[in-house]
């Protein structure tokens, strides 16, 4: 099983980015998927989760700004990030709950 995350980059405050995570080597439709982020010296934190049926959960700090979505036919989960703030700067990781698989991470940098 491999998770390939992409879409990170440098953006100004208030900008947007869309992260993608493609899962290969396994079925996808029955898996809970999530995005997490980590900054140096801090623990990795959960950002957003999407269940098999499409229900979602967000950490309070990103509610109303981030949207997690999935396409089971494409084995892909996205994280649309709007109104980005410098505090959102981190390496973002996607995770498949079953088996606790992680992608390598993609760096998001928000400049003030």
PDB file of N, CA and C in Angstrom:
ATOM      1  N   UNK A   1       0.855  -1.186   0.000  1.00  0.00           N
ATOM      2  CA  UNK A   1       0.000   0.000   0.000  1.00  0.00           C
ATOM      3  C   UNK A   1       0.889   1.235   0.000  1.00  0.00           C
ATOM      4  N   UNK A   2       0.584   2.149  -0.911  1.00  0.00           N
ATOM      5  CA  UNK A   2       1.330   3.415  -0.967  1.00  0.00           C
ATOM      6  C   UNK A   2       0.364   4.577  -1.007  1.00  0.00           C
ATOM      7  N   UNK A   3       0.717   5.631  -0.282  1.00  0.00           N
ATOM      8  CA  UNK A   3      -0.040   6.863  -0.311  1.00  0.00           C
ATOM      9  C   UNK A   3       0.882   7.953  -0.844  1.00  0.00           C
ATOM     10  N   UNK A   4       0.466   8.605  -1.902  1.00  0.00           N
ATOM     11  CA  UNK A   4       1.281   9.646  -2.520  1.00  0.00           C
ATOM     12  C   UNK A   4       0.563  10.981  -2.393  1.00  0.00           C
ATOM     13  N   UNK A   5       1.122  11.832  -1.544  1.00  0.00           N
ATOM     14  CA  UNK A   5       0.530  13.154  -1.336  1.00  0.00           C
ATOM     15  C   UNK A   5       1.236  14.181  -2.202  1.00  0.00           C
ATOM     16  N   UNK A   6       0.485  15.147  -2.681  1.00  0.00           N
ATOM     17  CA  UNK A   6       1.051  16.220  -3.494  1.00  0.00           C
ATOM     18  C   UNK A   6       0.192  17.470  -3.362  1.00  0.00           C
ATOM     19  N   UNK A   7       0.702  18.564  -3.912  1.00  0.00           N
ATOM     20  CA  UNK A   7      -0.083  19.791  -3.954  1.00  0.00           C
ATOM     21  C   UNK A   7       0.384  20.884  -3.029  1.00  0.00           C
ATOM     22  N   UNK A   8       1.364  20.591  -2.196  1.00  0.00           N
ATOM     23  CA  UNK A   8       1.868  21.618  -1.302  1.00  0.00           C
ATOM     24  C   UNK A   8       2.643  22.682  -2.061  1.00  0.00           C
ATOM     25  N   UNK A   9       2.981  23.750  -1.350  1.00  0.00           N
ATOM     26  CA  UNK A   9       3.736  24.823  -1.966  1.00  0.00           C
ATOM     27  C   UNK A   9       3.739  26.062  -1.097  1.00  0.00           C
ATOM     28  N   UNK A  10       4.194  27.145  -1.702  1.00  0.00           N
ATOM     29  CA  UNK A  10       4.251  28.438  -1.021  1.00  0.00           C
ATOM     30  C   UNK A  10       3.084  29.305  -1.478  1.00  0.00           C
ATOM     31  N   UNK A  11       2.365  29.856  -0.509  1.00  0.00           N
ATOM     32  CA  UNK A  11       1.208  30.689  -0.827  1.00  0.00           C
ATOM     33  C   UNK A  11       1.152  31.840   0.170  1.00  0.00           C
ATOM     34  N   UNK A  12       0.585  32.944  -0.254  1.00  0.00           N
ATOM     35  CA  UNK A  12       0.437  34.087   0.642  1.00  0.00           C
ATOM     36  C   UNK A  12      -0.773  33.910   1.544  1.00  0.00           C
ATOM     37  N   UNK A  13      -0.769  34.641   2.636  1.00  0.00           N
ATOM     38  CA  UNK A  13      -1.922  34.630   3.538  1.00  0.00           C
ATOM     39  C   UNK A  13      -3.192  34.957   2.769  1.00  0.00           C
ATOM     40  N   UNK A  14      -4.210  34.159   3.018  1.00  0.00           N
ATOM     41  CA  UNK A  14      -5.476  34.331   2.323  1.00  0.00           C
ATOM     42  C   UNK A  14      -5.607  33.507   1.064  1.00  0.00           C
ATOM     43  N   UNK A  15      -4.529  32.880   0.653  1.00  0.00           N
ATOM     44  CA  UNK A  15      -4.547  32.079  -0.559  1.00  0.00           C
ATOM     45  C   UNK A  15      -5.114  30.691  -0.348  1.00  0.00           C
ATOM     46  N   UNK A  16      -5.068  29.913  -1.415  1.00  0.00           N
ATOM     47  CA  UNK A  16      -5.640  28.562  -1.396  1.00  0.00           C
ATOM     48  C   UNK A  16      -4.668  27.548  -1.981  1.00  0.00           C
ATOM     49  N   UNK A  17      -4.795  26.337  -1.512  1.00  0.00           N
ATOM     50  CA  UNK A  17      -4.074  25.193  -2.066  1.00  0.00           C
ATOM     51  C   UNK A  17      -4.995  23.986  -2.006  1.00  0.00           C
ATOM     52  N   UNK A  18      -4.749  23.052  -2.901  1.00  0.00           N
ATOM     53  CA  UNK A  18      -5.502  21.797  -2.889  1.00  0.00           C
ATOM     54  C   UNK A  18      -4.524  20.650  -2.841  1.00  0.00           C
ATOM     55  N   UNK A  19      -4.571  19.907  -1.761  1.00  0.00           N
ATOM     56  CA  UNK A  19      -3.709  18.746  -1.605  1.00  0.00           C
ATOM     57  C   UNK A  19      -4.423  17.506  -2.130  1.00  0.00           C
ATOM     58  N   UNK A  20      -3.641  16.611  -2.713  1.00  0.00           N
ATOM     59  CA  UNK A  20      -4.173  15.348  -3.208  1.00  0.00           C
ATOM     60  C   UNK A  20      -3.412  14.193  -2.580  1.00  0.00           C
ATOM     61  N   UNK A  21      -4.097  13.091  -2.394  1.00  0.00           N
ATOM     62  CA  UNK A  21      -3.458  11.874  -1.878  1.00  0.00           C
ATOM     63  C   UNK A  21      -4.036  10.704  -2.656  1.00  0.00           C
ATOM     64  N   UNK A  22      -3.175  10.045  -3.406  1.00  0.00           N
ATOM     65  CA  UNK A  22      -3.587   8.898  -4.194  1.00  0.00           C
ATOM     66  C   UNK A  22      -3.134   7.627  -3.480  1.00  0.00           C
ATOM     67  N   UNK A  23      -4.048   6.704  -3.314  1.00  0.00           N
ATOM     68  CA  UNK A  23      -3.752   5.433  -2.652  1.00  0.00           C
ATOM     69  C   UNK A  23      -3.625   4.352  -3.713  1.00  0.00           C
ATOM     70  N   UNK A  24      -2.534   3.619  -3.660  1.00  0.00           N
ATOM     71  CA  UNK A  24      -2.327   2.528  -4.605  1.00  0.00           C
ATOM     72  C   UNK A  24      -2.008   1.247  -3.847  1.00  0.00           C
ATOM     73  N   UNK A  25      -2.251   0.134  -4.504  1.00  0.00           N
ATOM     74  CA  UNK A  25      -1.929  -1.150  -3.920  1.00  0.00           C
ATOM     75  C   UNK A  25      -2.987  -1.726  -3.021  1.00  0.00           C
ATOM     76  N   UNK A  26      -4.147  -1.076  -2.987  1.00  0.00           N
ATOM     77  CA  UNK A  26      -5.195  -1.560  -2.105  1.00  0.00           C
ATOM     78  C   UNK A  26      -6.528  -0.961  -2.519  1.00  0.00           C
ATOM     79  N   UNK A  27      -7.587  -1.596  -2.051  1.00  0.00           N
ATOM     80  CA  UNK A  27      -8.895  -0.987  -2.240  1.00  0.00           C
ATOM     81  C   UNK A  27      -8.987   0.269  -1.387  1.00  0.00           C
ATOM     82  N   UNK A  28      -9.910   1.134  -1.727  1.00  0.00           N
ATOM     83  CA  UNK A  28      -9.971   2.448  -1.101  1.00  0.00           C
ATOM     84  C   UNK A  28     -11.351   2.758  -0.551  1.00  0.00           C
ATOM     85  N   UNK A  29     -12.363   2.216  -1.184  1.00  0.00           N
ATOM     86  CA  UNK A  29     -13.729   2.652  -0.901  1.00  0.00           C
ATOM     87  C   UNK A  29     -14.184   2.332   0.512  1.00  0.00           C
ATOM     88  N   UNK A  30     -13.558   1.374   1.165  1.00  0.00           N
ATOM     89  CA  UNK A  30     -13.999   0.984   2.503  1.00  0.00           C
ATOM     90  C   UNK A  30     -13.113   1.545   3.599  1.00  0.00           C
ATOM     91  N   UNK A  31     -12.295   2.536   3.256  1.00  0.00           N
ATOM     92  CA  UNK A  31     -11.320   3.056   4.215  1.00  0.00           C
ATOM     93  C   UNK A  31     -11.658   4.457   4.693  1.00  0.00           C
ATOM     94  N   UNK A  32     -11.424   4.666   5.982  1.00  0.00           N
ATOM     95  CA  UNK A  32     -11.446   6.013   6.546  1.00  0.00           C
ATOM     96  C   UNK A  32     -10.118   6.669   6.201  1.00  0.00           C
ATOM     97  N   UNK A  33     -10.201   7.867   5.657  1.00  0.00           N
ATOM     98  CA  UNK A  33      -9.000   8.598   5.254  1.00  0.00           C
ATOM     99  C   UNK A  33      -8.925   9.913   6.029  1.00  0.00           C
ATOM    100  N   UNK A  34      -7.724  10.386   6.218  1.00  0.00           N
ATOM    101  CA  UNK A  34      -7.565  11.627   6.971  1.00  0.00           C
ATOM    102  C   UNK A  34      -6.320  12.368   6.524  1.00  0.00           C
ATOM    103  N   UNK A  35      -6.325  13.643   6.857  1.00  0.00           N
ATOM    104  CA  UNK A  35      -5.156  14.509   6.671  1.00  0.00           C
ATOM    105  C   UNK A  35      -4.681  14.955   8.057  1.00  0.00           C
ATOM    106  N   UNK A  36      -3.363  14.989   8.201  1.00  0.00           N
ATOM    107  CA  UNK A  36      -2.736  15.445   9.424  1.00  0.00           C
ATOM    108  C   UNK A  36      -1.656  16.447   9.060  1.00  0.00           C
ATOM    109  N   UNK A  37      -1.175  17.197  10.023  1.00  0.00           N
ATOM    110  CA  UNK A  37      -0.077  18.108   9.752  1.00  0.00           C
ATOM    111  C   UNK A  37       0.877  18.163  10.949  1.00  0.00           C
ATOM    112  N   UNK A  38       2.101  18.535  10.639  1.00  0.00           N
ATOM    113  CA  UNK A  38       3.121  18.574  11.682  1.00  0.00           C
ATOM    114  C   UNK A  38       4.103  19.707  11.408  1.00  0.00           C
ATOM    115  N   UNK A  39       4.428  20.443  12.459  1.00  0.00           N
ATOM    116  CA  UNK A  39       5.465  21.456  12.404  1.00  0.00           C
ATOM    117  C   UNK A  39       6.603  21.023  13.316  1.00  0.00           C
ATOM    118  N   UNK A  40       7.808  21.540  13.071  1.00  0.00           N
ATOM    119  CA  UNK A  40       8.976  21.125  13.869  1.00  0.00           C
ATOM    120  C   UNK A  40       8.742  21.306  15.366  1.00  0.00           C
ATOM    121  N   UNK A  41       9.058  20.275  16.126  1.00  0.00           N
ATOM    122  CA  UNK A  41       8.948  20.353  17.567  1.00  0.00           C
ATOM    123  C   UNK A  41       7.567  20.107  18.117  1.00  0.00           C
ATOM    124  N   UNK A  42       6.602  19.872  17.235  1.00  0.00           N
ATOM    125  CA  UNK A  42       5.232  19.633  17.680  1.00  0.00           C
ATOM    126  C   UNK A  42       4.761  18.267  17.238  1.00  0.00           C
ATOM    127  N   UNK A  43       3.763  17.781  17.947  1.00  0.00           N
ATOM    128  CA  UNK A  43       3.177  16.499  17.572  1.00  0.00           C
ATOM    129  C   UNK A  43       2.333  16.655  16.316  1.00  0.00           C
ATOM    130  N   UNK A  44       2.252  15.575  15.584  1.00  0.00           N
ATOM    131  CA  UNK A  44       1.392  15.569  14.410  1.00  0.00           C
ATOM    132  C   UNK A  44      -0.053  15.692  14.879  1.00  0.00           C
ATOM    133  N   UNK A  45      -0.807  16.554  14.232  1.00  0.00           N
ATOM    134  CA  UNK A  45      -2.198  16.755  14.616  1.00  0.00           C
ATOM    135  C   UNK A  45      -3.138  16.398  13.478  1.00  0.00           C
ATOM    136  N   UNK A  46      -4.284  15.882  13.881  1.00  0.00           N
ATOM    137  CA  UNK A  46      -5.334  15.567  12.921  1.00  0.00           C
ATOM    138  C   UNK A  46      -5.951  16.870  12.412  1.00  0.00           C
ATOM    139  N   UNK A  47      -6.120  16.969  11.105  1.00  0.00           N
ATOM    140  CA  UNK A  47      -6.738  18.145  10.493  1.00  0.00           C
ATOM    141  C   UNK A  47      -8.159  17.840  10.049  1.00  0.00           C
ATOM    142  N   UNK A  48      -8.335  16.735   9.325  1.00  0.00           N
ATOM    143  CA  UNK A  48      -9.653  16.409   8.782  1.00  0.00           C
ATOM    144  C   UNK A  48      -9.751  14.918   8.532  1.00  0.00           C
ATOM    145  N   UNK A  49     -10.955  14.409   8.690  1.00  0.00           N
ATOM    146  CA  UNK A  49     -11.232  12.987   8.478  1.00  0.00           C
ATOM    147  C   UNK A  49     -12.443  12.854   7.577  1.00  0.00           C
ATOM    148  N   UNK A  50     -12.413  11.866   6.699  1.00  0.00           N
ATOM    149  CA  UNK A  50     -13.598  11.556   5.900  1.00  0.00           C
ATOM    150  C   UNK A  50     -13.874  10.073   6.010  1.00  0.00           C
ATOM    151  N   UNK A  51     -15.115   9.766   6.377  1.00  0.00           N
ATOM    152  CA  UNK A  51     -15.506   8.377   6.569  1.00  0.00           C
ATOM    153  C   UNK A  51     -15.895   7.738   5.242  1.00  0.00           C
ATOM    154  N   UNK A  52     -16.181   6.455   5.313  1.00  0.00           N
ATOM    155  CA  UNK A  52     -16.529   5.700   4.114  1.00  0.00           C
ATOM    156  C   UNK A  52     -17.757   6.302   3.430  1.00  0.00           C
ATOM    157  N   UNK A  53     -18.737   6.686   4.236  1.00  0.00           N
ATOM    158  CA  UNK A  53     -19.962   7.239   3.678  1.00  0.00           C
ATOM    159  C   UNK A  53     -19.879   8.705   3.314  1.00  0.00           C
ATOM    160  N   UNK A  54     -18.726   9.324   3.586  1.00  0.00           N
ATOM    161  CA  UNK A  54     -18.547  10.718   3.208  1.00  0.00           C
ATOM    162  C   UNK A  54     -18.699  11.718   4.330  1.00  0.00           C
ATOM    163  N   UNK A  55     -19.067  11.259   5.516  1.00  0.00           N
ATOM    164  CA  UNK A  55     -19.169  12.207   6.621  1.00  0.00           C
ATOM    165  C   UNK A  55     -17.778  12.703   6.984  1.00  0.00           C
ATOM    166  N   UNK A  56     -17.704  13.929   7.456  1.00  0.00           N
ATOM    167  CA  UNK A  56     -16.414  14.570   7.695  1.00  0.00           C
ATOM    168  C   UNK A  56     -16.306  15.146   9.100  1.00  0.00           C
ATOM    169  N   UNK A  57     -15.081  15.332   9.510  1.00  0.00           N
ATOM    170  CA  UNK A  57     -14.790  15.955  10.799  1.00  0.00           C
ATOM    171  C   UNK A  57     -13.541  16.795  10.631  1.00  0.00           C
ATOM    172  N   UNK A  58     -13.554  17.984  11.270  1.00  0.00           N
ATOM    173  CA  UNK A  58     -12.420  18.901  11.153  1.00  0.00           C
ATOM    174  C   UNK A  58     -11.970  19.367  12.536  1.00  0.00           C
ATOM    175  N   UNK A  59     -10.692  19.643  12.634  1.00  0.00           N
ATOM    176  CA  UNK A  59     -10.198  20.298  13.838  1.00  0.00           C
ATOM    177  C   UNK A  59     -10.748  21.723  13.830  1.00  0.00           C
ATOM    178  N   UNK A  60     -11.008  22.262  14.995  1.00  0.00           N
ATOM    179  CA  UNK A  60     -11.677  23.561  15.080  1.00  0.00           C
ATOM    180  C   UNK A  60     -10.948  24.655  14.307  1.00  0.00           C
ATOM    181  N   UNK A  61      -9.638  24.619  14.296  1.00  0.00           N
ATOM    182  CA  UNK A  61      -8.871  25.709  13.694  1.00  0.00           C
ATOM    183  C   UNK A  61      -9.023  25.814  12.179  1.00  0.00           C
ATOM    184  N   UNK A  62      -9.543  24.771  11.530  1.00  0.00           N
ATOM    185  CA  UNK A  62      -9.684  24.811  10.069  1.00  0.00           C
ATOM    186  C   UNK A  62     -11.134  24.764   9.617  1.00  0.00           C
ATOM    187  N   UNK A  63     -12.059  24.654  10.552  1.00  0.00           N
ATOM    188  CA  UNK A  63     -13.470  24.593  10.180  1.00  0.00           C
ATOM    189  C   UNK A  63     -13.871  25.837   9.410  1.00  0.00           C
ATOM    190  N   UNK A  64     -14.589  25.611   8.322  1.00  0.00           N
ATOM    191  CA  UNK A  64     -15.025  26.717   7.488  1.00  0.00           C
ATOM    192  C   UNK A  64     -13.993  27.158   6.464  1.00  0.00           C
ATOM    193  N   UNK A  65     -12.783  26.660   6.570  1.00  0.00           N
ATOM    194  CA  UNK A  65     -11.720  27.032   5.622  1.00  0.00           C
ATOM    195  C   UNK A  65     -11.237  25.841   4.801  1.00  0.00           C
ATOM    196  N   UNK A  66     -11.190  24.677   5.404  1.00  0.00           N
ATOM    197  CA  UNK A  66     -10.701  23.466   4.732  1.00  0.00           C
ATOM    198  C   UNK A  66     -11.866  22.530   4.424  1.00  0.00           C
ATOM    199  N   UNK A  67     -11.728  21.803   3.329  1.00  0.00           N
ATOM    200  CA  UNK A  67     -12.717  20.805   2.957  1.00  0.00           C
ATOM    201  C   UNK A  67     -12.026  19.529   2.508  1.00  0.00           C
ATOM    202  N   UNK A  68     -12.384  18.427   3.140  1.00  0.00           N
ATOM    203  CA  UNK A  68     -11.861  17.121   2.735  1.00  0.00           C
ATOM    204  C   UNK A  68     -12.899  16.429   1.872  1.00  0.00           C
ATOM    205  N   UNK A  69     -12.439  15.769   0.830  1.00  0.00           N
ATOM    206  CA  UNK A  69     -13.345  15.059  -0.062  1.00  0.00           C
ATOM    207  C   UNK A  69     -12.632  13.833  -0.621  1.00  0.00           C
ATOM    208  N   UNK A  70     -13.408  12.958  -1.245  1.00  0.00           N
ATOM    209  CA  UNK A  70     -12.822  11.727  -1.774  1.00  0.00           C
ATOM    210  C   UNK A  70     -13.536  11.314  -3.045  1.00  0.00           C
ATOM    211  N   UNK A  71     -12.807  10.590  -3.865  1.00  0.00           N
ATOM    212  CA  UNK A  71     -13.371   9.966  -5.056  1.00  0.00           C
ATOM    213  C   UNK A  71     -12.918   8.520  -5.022  1.00  0.00           C
ATOM    214  N   UNK A  72     -13.830   7.621  -4.678  1.00  0.00           N
ATOM    215  CA  UNK A  72     -13.447   6.219  -4.525  1.00  0.00           C
ATOM    216  C   UNK A  72     -13.027   5.594  -5.849  1.00  0.00           C
ATOM    217  N   UNK A  73     -13.572   6.065  -6.934  1.00  0.00           N
ATOM    218  CA  UNK A  73     -13.213   5.520  -8.246  1.00  0.00           C
ATOM    219  C   UNK A  73     -11.775   5.877  -8.612  1.00  0.00           C
ATOM    220  N   UNK A  74     -11.289   6.988  -8.055  1.00  0.00           N
ATOM    221  CA  UNK A  74      -9.930   7.437  -8.356  1.00  0.00           C
ATOM    222  C   UNK A  74      -8.946   7.126  -7.235  1.00  0.00           C
ATOM    223  N   UNK A  75      -9.442   6.471  -6.192  1.00  0.00           N
ATOM    224  CA  UNK A  75      -8.579   6.174  -5.033  1.00  0.00           C
ATOM    225  C   UNK A  75      -7.870   7.433  -4.527  1.00  0.00           C
ATOM    226  N   UNK A  76      -8.602   8.517  -4.499  1.00  0.00           N
ATOM    227  CA  UNK A  76      -7.991   9.797  -4.173  1.00  0.00           C
ATOM    228  C   UNK A  76      -8.791  10.526  -3.104  1.00  0.00           C
ATOM    229  N   UNK A  77      -8.067  11.166  -2.196  1.00  0.00           N
ATOM    230  CA  UNK A  77      -8.680  12.049  -1.209  1.00  0.00           C
ATOM    231  C   UNK A  77      -8.002  13.412  -1.357  1.00  0.00           C
ATOM    232  N   UNK A  78      -8.809  14.466  -1.240  1.00  0.00           N
ATOM    233  CA  UNK A  78      -8.295  15.820  -1.396  1.00  0.00           C
ATOM    234  C   UNK A  78      -8.492  16.619  -0.101  1.00  0.00           C
ATOM    235  N   UNK A  79      -7.679  17.647   0.022  1.00  0.00           N
ATOM    236  CA  UNK A  79      -7.890  18.630   1.077  1.00  0.00           C
ATOM    237  C   UNK A  79      -7.826  20.005   0.427  1.00  0.00           C
ATOM    238  N   UNK A  80      -8.982  20.629   0.278  1.00  0.00           N
ATOM    239  CA  UNK A  80      -9.049  21.977  -0.255  1.00  0.00           C
ATOM    240  C   UNK A  80      -8.847  22.941   0.909  1.00  0.00           C
ATOM    241  N   UNK A  81      -7.838  23.772   0.791  1.00  0.00           N
ATOM    242  CA  UNK A  81      -7.498  24.703   1.870  1.00  0.00           C
ATOM    243  C   UNK A  81      -7.652  26.135   1.376  1.00  0.00           C
ATOM    244  N   UNK A  82      -8.586  26.852   1.964  1.00  0.00           N
ATOM    245  CA  UNK A  82      -8.836  28.242   1.606  1.00  0.00           C
ATOM    246  C   UNK A  82      -8.519  29.157   2.785  1.00  0.00           C
ATOM    247  N   UNK A  83      -8.393  30.431   2.489  1.00  0.00           N
ATOM    248  CA  UNK A  83      -8.116  31.433   3.523  1.00  0.00           C
ATOM    249  C   UNK A  83      -6.948  30.998   4.408  1.00  0.00           C
ATOM    250  N   UNK A  84      -5.889  30.598   3.762  1.00  0.00           N
ATOM    251  CA  UNK A  84      -4.743  30.070   4.505  1.00  0.00           C
ATOM    252  C   UNK A  84      -4.089  31.142   5.358  1.00  0.00           C
ATOM    253  N   UNK A  85      -3.595  30.694   6.506  1.00  0.00           N
ATOM    254  CA  UNK A  85      -2.954  31.561   7.482  1.00  0.00           C
ATOM    255  C   UNK A  85      -1.547  31.052   7.749  1.00  0.00           C
ATOM    256  N   UNK A  86      -0.659  31.936   8.200  1.00  0.00           N
ATOM    257  CA  UNK A  86       0.712  31.466   8.515  1.00  0.00           C
ATOM    258  C   UNK A  86       0.721  30.280   9.481  1.00  0.00           C
ATOM    259  N   UNK A  87      -0.266  30.226  10.359  1.00  0.00           N
ATOM    260  CA  UNK A  87      -0.341  29.118  11.323  1.00  0.00           C
ATOM    261  C   UNK A  87      -0.635  27.773  10.663  1.00  0.00           C
ATOM    262  N   UNK A  88      -1.045  27.799   9.401  1.00  0.00           N
ATOM    263  CA  UNK A  88      -1.297  26.553   8.671  1.00  0.00           C
ATOM    264  C   UNK A  88      -0.017  25.974   8.073  1.00  0.00           C
ATOM    265  N   UNK A  89       1.079  26.698   8.167  1.00  0.00           N
ATOM    266  CA  UNK A  89       2.347  26.206   7.652  1.00  0.00           C
ATOM    267  C   UNK A  89       2.733  24.923   8.363  1.00  0.00           C
ATOM    268  N   UNK A  90       2.973  23.868   7.579  1.00  0.00           N
ATOM    269  CA  UNK A  90       3.288  22.561   8.149  1.00  0.00           C
ATOM    270  C   UNK A  90       3.545  21.583   7.015  1.00  0.00           C
ATOM    271  N   UNK A  91       4.030  20.415   7.382  1.00  0.00           N
ATOM    272  CA  UNK A  91       4.044  19.289   6.449  1.00  0.00           C
ATOM    273  C   UNK A  91       2.734  18.544   6.638  1.00  0.00           C
ATOM    274  N   UNK A  92       2.030  18.344   5.555  1.00  0.00           N
ATOM    275  CA  UNK A  92       0.725  17.689   5.587  1.00  0.00           C
ATOM    276  C   UNK A  92       0.866  16.241   5.117  1.00  0.00           C
ATOM    277  N   UNK A  93       0.250  15.349   5.884  1.00  0.00           N
ATOM    278  CA  UNK A  93       0.325  13.924   5.617  1.00  0.00           C
ATOM    279  C   UNK A  93      -1.081  13.355   5.446  1.00  0.00           C
ATOM    280  N   UNK A  94      -1.224  12.427   4.527  1.00  0.00           N
ATOM    281  CA  UNK A  94      -2.487  11.702   4.443  1.00  0.00           C
ATOM    282  C   UNK A  94      -2.313  10.336   5.113  1.00  0.00           C
ATOM    283  N   UNK A  95      -3.417   9.818   5.587  1.00  0.00           N
ATOM    284  CA  UNK A  95      -3.400   8.571   6.355  1.00  0.00           C
ATOM    285  C   UNK A  95      -4.581   7.704   5.996  1.00  0.00           C
ATOM    286  N   UNK A  96      -4.315   6.421   5.873  1.00  0.00           N
ATOM    287  CA  UNK A  96      -5.380   5.446   5.761  1.00  0.00           C
ATOM    288  C   UNK A  96      -5.479   4.761   7.117  1.00  0.00           C
ATOM    289  N   UNK A  97      -6.632   4.820   7.724  1.00  0.00           N
ATOM    290  CA  UNK A  97      -6.778   4.315   9.081  1.00  0.00           C
ATOM    291  C   UNK A  97      -6.486   2.813   9.177  1.00  0.00           C
ATOM    292  N   UNK A  98      -7.020   2.058   8.237  1.00  0.00           N
ATOM    293  CA  UNK A  98      -6.805   0.608   8.242  1.00  0.00           C
ATOM    294  C   UNK A  98      -5.339   0.324   7.961  1.00  0.00           C
ATOM    295  N   UNK A  99      -4.675  -0.233   8.910  1.00  0.00           N
ATOM    296  CA  UNK A  99      -3.255  -0.509   8.755  1.00  0.00           C
ATOM    297  C   UNK A  99      -2.354   0.661   9.112  1.00  0.00           C
ATOM    298  N   UNK A 100      -2.971   1.839   9.365  1.00  0.00           N
ATOM    299  CA  UNK A 100      -2.229   3.043   9.748  1.00  0.00           C
ATOM    300  C   UNK A 100      -1.108   3.356   8.753  1.00  0.00           C
ATOM    301  N   UNK A 101      -1.500   3.471   7.484  1.00  0.00           N
ATOM    302  CA  UNK A 101      -0.529   3.808   6.453  1.00  0.00           C
ATOM    303  C   UNK A 101      -0.452   5.332   6.293  1.00  0.00           C
ATOM    304  N   UNK A 102       0.801   5.813   6.064  1.00  0.00           N
ATOM    305  CA  UNK A 102       1.045   7.244   5.907  1.00  0.00           C
ATOM    306  C   UNK A 102       1.728   7.538   4.585  1.00  0.00           C
ATOM    307  N   UNK A 103       1.374   8.670   4.000  1.00  0.00           N
ATOM    308  CA  UNK A 103       2.113   9.173   2.869  1.00  0.00           C
ATOM    309  C   UNK A 103       3.360   9.898   3.359  1.00  0.00           C
ATOM    310  N   UNK A 104       4.214  10.336   2.432  1.00  0.00           N
ATOM    311  CA  UNK A 104       5.472  10.976   2.806  1.00  0.00           C
ATOM    312  C   UNK A 104       5.312  12.423   3.226  1.00  0.00           C
ATOM    313  N   UNK A 105       4.217  13.017   2.913  1.00  0.00           N
ATOM    314  CA  UNK A 105       4.004  14.392   3.339  1.00  0.00           C
ATOM    315  C   UNK A 105       4.309  15.389   2.243  1.00  0.00           C
ATOM    316  N   UNK A 106       3.605  16.507   2.306  1.00  0.00           N
ATOM    317  CA  UNK A 106       3.820  17.587   1.370  1.00  0.00           C
ATOM    318  C   UNK A 106       3.838  18.894   2.160  1.00  0.00           C
ATOM    319  N   UNK A 107       4.823  19.740   1.864  1.00  0.00           N
ATOM    320  CA  UNK A 107       5.038  20.948   2.649  1.00  0.00           C
ATOM    321  C   UNK A 107       4.154  22.088   2.169  1.00  0.00           C
ATOM    322  N   UNK A 108       3.454  22.684   3.099  1.00  0.00           N
ATOM    323  CA  UNK A 108       2.651  23.880   2.854  1.00  0.00           C
ATOM    324  C   UNK A 108       3.267  25.028   3.640  1.00  0.00           C
ATOM    325  N   UNK A 109       3.592  26.093   2.930  1.00  0.00           N
ATOM    326  CA  UNK A 109       4.165  27.272   3.571  1.00  0.00           C
ATOM    327  C   UNK A 109       3.297  28.478   3.247  1.00  0.00           C
ATOM    328  N   UNK A 110       2.815  29.145   4.290  1.00  0.00           N
ATOM    329  CA  UNK A 110       1.967  30.316   4.110  1.00  0.00           C
ATOM    330  C   UNK A 110       2.741  31.534   4.597  1.00  0.00           C
ATOM    331  N   UNK A 111       2.996  32.448   3.686  1.00  0.00           N
ATOM    332  CA  UNK A 111       3.759  33.636   4.046  1.00  0.00           C
ATOM    333  C   UNK A 111       2.831  34.757   4.497  1.00  0.00           C
ATOM    334  N   UNK A 112       3.320  35.554   5.434  1.00  0.00           N
ATOM    335  CA  UNK A 112       2.496  36.650   5.968  1.00  0.00           C
ATOM    336  C   UNK A 112       2.718  37.933   5.191  1.00  0.00           C
TER     337      UNK A 112
END
